[in-house]
């Protein structure tokens, strides 16, 4: 065999091998397509402003009692001498204070932080009743 014949034979074998591999190989999986979220629901009042979120009304004393009740569930919270004052109308806020009957409060910062979390949650649900 001469060099050109050897080259031609090698190329023919390579092409046959490549053809056989393509026949045996599984097709490449298609990339997953992203599922589009469903379109937003049609507004119940087309052409008008969005409906405002209606919050339940509570008195300042009711909100203070709710916050105080949640705070008393925290370990190390004093059962006496702690006071929550709810003030303002819209938006309203809460203030946590400790009196002498509370004694030394070791986790005062933690309780104040927890009071802010509770207040934030309640602000989304309730407004102050006039």
C-alpha atoms as a PDB file:
ATOM      1  CA  UNK A   1       0.000   0.000   0.000  1.00  0.00           C
ATOM      2  CA  UNK A   2       1.140   3.447  -0.797  1.00  0.00           C
ATOM      3  CA  UNK A   3       0.836   6.446   1.460  1.00  0.00           C
ATOM      4  CA  UNK A   4      -2.216   7.941  -0.352  1.00  0.00           C
ATOM      5  CA  UNK A   5      -4.005   4.557  -0.156  1.00  0.00           C
ATOM      6  CA  UNK A   6      -3.213   4.285   3.553  1.00  0.00           C
ATOM      7  CA  UNK A   7      -4.500   7.803   4.183  1.00  0.00           C
ATOM      8  CA  UNK A   8      -7.683   7.129   2.180  1.00  0.00           C
ATOM      9  CA  UNK A   9      -8.302   3.872   4.065  1.00  0.00           C
ATOM     10  CA  UNK A  10      -7.712   5.558   7.435  1.00  0.00           C
ATOM     11  CA  UNK A  11     -10.121   8.350   6.579  1.00  0.00           C
ATOM     12  CA  UNK A  12     -12.735   5.851   5.385  1.00  0.00           C
ATOM     13  CA  UNK A  13     -12.430   3.874   8.636  1.00  0.00           C
ATOM     14  CA  UNK A  14     -12.708   7.059  10.706  1.00  0.00           C
ATOM     15  CA  UNK A  15     -15.853   8.117   8.841  1.00  0.00           C
ATOM     16  CA  UNK A  16     -17.419   4.666   9.266  1.00  0.00           C
ATOM     17  CA  UNK A  17     -16.581   4.680  12.993  1.00  0.00           C
ATOM     18  CA  UNK A  18     -18.053   8.165  13.434  1.00  0.00           C
ATOM     19  CA  UNK A  19     -21.208   7.084  11.587  1.00  0.00           C
ATOM     20  CA  UNK A  20     -21.575   3.988  13.781  1.00  0.00           C
ATOM     21  CA  UNK A  21     -21.146   6.042  16.975  1.00  0.00           C
ATOM     22  CA  UNK A  22     -23.825   8.521  15.853  1.00  0.00           C
ATOM     23  CA  UNK A  23     -26.273   5.670  15.195  1.00  0.00           C
ATOM     24  CA  UNK A  24     -25.655   4.066  18.630  1.00  0.00           C
ATOM     25  CA  UNK A  25     -25.485   7.261  20.637  1.00  0.00           C
ATOM     26  CA  UNK A  26     -28.677   8.448  22.316  1.00  0.00           C
ATOM     27  CA  UNK A  27     -29.880  11.852  21.271  1.00  0.00           C
ATOM     28  CA  UNK A  28     -28.811  14.644  23.575  1.00  0.00           C
ATOM     29  CA  UNK A  29     -31.554  15.565  26.027  1.00  0.00           C
ATOM     30  CA  UNK A  30     -33.246  18.845  25.304  1.00  0.00           C
ATOM     31  CA  UNK A  31     -32.650  21.546  27.878  1.00  0.00           C
ATOM     32  CA  UNK A  32     -35.609  22.011  30.218  1.00  0.00           C
ATOM     33  CA  UNK A  33     -37.893  24.797  29.248  1.00  0.00           C
ATOM     34  CA  UNK A  34     -38.886  27.287  31.886  1.00  0.00           C
ATOM     35  CA  UNK A  35     -42.515  27.199  32.869  1.00  0.00           C
ATOM     36  CA  UNK A  36     -44.042  30.619  32.753  1.00  0.00           C
ATOM     37  CA  UNK A  37     -46.163  31.612  35.724  1.00  0.00           C
ATOM     38  CA  UNK A  38     -49.858  31.934  35.021  1.00  0.00           C
ATOM     39  CA  UNK A  39     -51.041  35.412  34.128  1.00  0.00           C
ATOM     40  CA  UNK A  40     -52.355  37.439  37.054  1.00  0.00           C
ATOM     41  CA  UNK A  41     -56.020  37.069  37.793  1.00  0.00           C
ATOM     42  CA  UNK A  42     -58.292  39.623  36.234  1.00  0.00           C
ATOM     43  CA  UNK A  43     -58.925  42.485  38.630  1.00  0.00           C
ATOM     44  CA  UNK A  44     -62.316  42.510  40.264  1.00  0.00           C
ATOM     45  CA  UNK A  45     -62.648  46.222  39.593  1.00  0.00           C
ATOM     46  CA  UNK A  46     -61.225  46.797  36.083  1.00  0.00           C
ATOM     47  CA  UNK A  47     -60.230  50.354  35.363  1.00  0.00           C
ATOM     48  CA  UNK A  48     -60.365  51.373  39.017  1.00  0.00           C
ATOM     49  CA  UNK A  49     -57.702  51.686  41.659  1.00  0.00           C
ATOM     50  CA  UNK A  50     -56.691  48.466  43.480  1.00  0.00           C
ATOM     51  CA  UNK A  51     -58.873  47.624  46.423  1.00  0.00           C
ATOM     52  CA  UNK A  52     -57.284  48.726  49.710  1.00  0.00           C
ATOM     53  CA  UNK A  53     -56.373  46.091  52.261  1.00  0.00           C
ATOM     54  CA  UNK A  54     -58.856  46.291  55.098  1.00  0.00           C
ATOM     55  CA  UNK A  55     -57.277  45.697  58.477  1.00  0.00           C
ATOM     56  CA  UNK A  56     -59.154  44.643  61.565  1.00  0.00           C
ATOM     57  CA  UNK A  57     -59.561  47.375  64.169  1.00  0.00           C
ATOM     58  CA  UNK A  58     -58.269  46.907  67.729  1.00  0.00           C
ATOM     59  CA  UNK A  59     -57.958  49.346  70.579  1.00  0.00           C
ATOM     60  CA  UNK A  60     -54.521  50.372  71.786  1.00  0.00           C
ATOM     61  CA  UNK A  61     -55.127  48.436  75.016  1.00  0.00           C
ATOM     62  CA  UNK A  62     -56.040  45.261  73.107  1.00  0.00           C
ATOM     63  CA  UNK A  63     -52.883  45.495  70.985  1.00  0.00           C
ATOM     64  CA  UNK A  64     -50.729  46.170  74.066  1.00  0.00           C
ATOM     65  CA  UNK A  65     -52.222  43.101  75.774  1.00  0.00           C
ATOM     66  CA  UNK A  66     -51.505  40.952  72.699  1.00  0.00           C
ATOM     67  CA  UNK A  67     -47.872  42.114  72.564  1.00  0.00           C
ATOM     68  CA  UNK A  68     -47.418  41.640  76.317  1.00  0.00           C
ATOM     69  CA  UNK A  69     -48.906  38.152  76.137  1.00  0.00           C
ATOM     70  CA  UNK A  70     -46.458  37.141  73.376  1.00  0.00           C
ATOM     71  CA  UNK A  71     -43.493  38.653  75.250  1.00  0.00           C
ATOM     72  CA  UNK A  72     -44.328  36.712  78.414  1.00  0.00           C
ATOM     73  CA  UNK A  73     -43.815  33.479  76.472  1.00  0.00           C
ATOM     74  CA  UNK A  74     -40.071  34.247  76.164  1.00  0.00           C
ATOM     75  CA  UNK A  75     -37.826  32.536  78.704  1.00  0.00           C
ATOM     76  CA  UNK A  76     -36.476  34.995  81.265  1.00  0.00           C
ATOM     77  CA  UNK A  77     -39.252  37.521  80.722  1.00  0.00           C
ATOM     78  CA  UNK A  78     -40.369  39.143  83.982  1.00  0.00           C
ATOM     79  CA  UNK A  79     -43.984  38.446  84.851  1.00  0.00           C
ATOM     80  CA  UNK A  80     -44.352  41.747  86.749  1.00  0.00           C
ATOM     81  CA  UNK A  81     -43.084  45.255  86.132  1.00  0.00           C
ATOM     82  CA  UNK A  82     -43.153  45.116  82.331  1.00  0.00           C
ATOM     83  CA  UNK A  83     -45.400  47.509  80.426  1.00  0.00           C
ATOM     84  CA  UNK A  84     -46.283  47.868  76.726  1.00  0.00           C
ATOM     85  CA  UNK A  85     -47.690  51.192  75.549  1.00  0.00           C
ATOM     86  CA  UNK A  86     -49.282  51.405  72.096  1.00  0.00           C
ATOM     87  CA  UNK A  87     -49.348  54.931  70.686  1.00  0.00           C
ATOM     88  CA  UNK A  88     -50.145  56.718  67.443  1.00  0.00           C
ATOM     89  CA  UNK A  89     -52.986  56.128  65.016  1.00  0.00           C
ATOM     90  CA  UNK A  90     -51.861  55.204  61.535  1.00  0.00           C
ATOM     91  CA  UNK A  91     -49.140  54.078  61.690  1.00  0.00           C
ATOM     92  CA  UNK A  92     -49.117  53.082  65.304  1.00  0.00           C
ATOM     93  CA  UNK A  93     -46.169  51.855  67.347  1.00  0.00           C
ATOM     94  CA  UNK A  94     -45.413  50.172  70.663  1.00  0.00           C
ATOM     95  CA  UNK A  95     -43.035  51.058  73.479  1.00  0.00           C
ATOM     96  CA  UNK A  96     -41.726  48.489  75.959  1.00  0.00           C
ATOM     97  CA  UNK A  97     -40.707  49.642  79.438  1.00  0.00           C
ATOM     98  CA  UNK A  98     -39.538  47.913  82.593  1.00  0.00           C
ATOM     99  CA  UNK A  99     -40.432  49.070  86.091  1.00  0.00           C
ATOM    100  CA  UNK A 100     -38.842  48.291  89.466  1.00  0.00           C
ATOM    101  CA  UNK A 101     -40.988  45.176  90.089  1.00  0.00           C
ATOM    102  CA  UNK A 102     -39.365  43.571  87.016  1.00  0.00           C
ATOM    103  CA  UNK A 103     -36.031  43.432  88.841  1.00  0.00           C
ATOM    104  CA  UNK A 104     -32.832  43.010  86.857  1.00  0.00           C
ATOM    105  CA  UNK A 105     -33.754  42.028  83.301  1.00  0.00           C
ATOM    106  CA  UNK A 106     -30.805  40.169  81.766  1.00  0.00           C
ATOM    107  CA  UNK A 107     -32.352  39.784  78.311  1.00  0.00           C
ATOM    108  CA  UNK A 108     -33.749  43.315  77.998  1.00  0.00           C
ATOM    109  CA  UNK A 109     -32.336  43.885  74.482  1.00  0.00           C
ATOM    110  CA  UNK A 110     -33.714  40.548  73.300  1.00  0.00           C
ATOM    111  CA  UNK A 111     -37.172  41.382  74.668  1.00  0.00           C
ATOM    112  CA  UNK A 112     -37.121  44.820  73.028  1.00  0.00           C
ATOM    113  CA  UNK A 113     -36.121  43.272  69.698  1.00  0.00           C
ATOM    114  CA  UNK A 114     -38.857  40.668  70.026  1.00  0.00           C
ATOM    115  CA  UNK A 115     -41.341  43.451  70.834  1.00  0.00           C
ATOM    116  CA  UNK A 116     -40.407  45.172  67.553  1.00  0.00           C
ATOM    117  CA  UNK A 117     -40.938  41.918  65.620  1.00  0.00           C
ATOM    118  CA  UNK A 118     -44.351  41.341  67.222  1.00  0.00           C
ATOM    119  CA  UNK A 119     -45.341  44.967  66.609  1.00  0.00           C
ATOM    120  CA  UNK A 120     -44.342  44.738  62.940  1.00  0.00           C
ATOM    121  CA  UNK A 121     -46.429  41.598  62.482  1.00  0.00           C
ATOM    122  CA  UNK A 122     -49.455  43.145  64.190  1.00  0.00           C
ATOM    123  CA  UNK A 123     -49.176  46.379  62.160  1.00  0.00           C
ATOM    124  CA  UNK A 124     -49.828  44.359  59.013  1.00  0.00           C
ATOM    125  CA  UNK A 125     -53.028  42.935  60.525  1.00  0.00           C
ATOM    126  CA  UNK A 126     -54.513  45.661  62.720  1.00  0.00           C
ATOM    127  CA  UNK A 127     -55.210  49.361  62.791  1.00  0.00           C
ATOM    128  CA  UNK A 128     -56.028  51.386  65.896  1.00  0.00           C
ATOM    129  CA  UNK A 129     -59.746  51.796  66.512  1.00  0.00           C
ATOM    130  CA  UNK A 130     -60.747  55.431  67.054  1.00  0.00           C
END
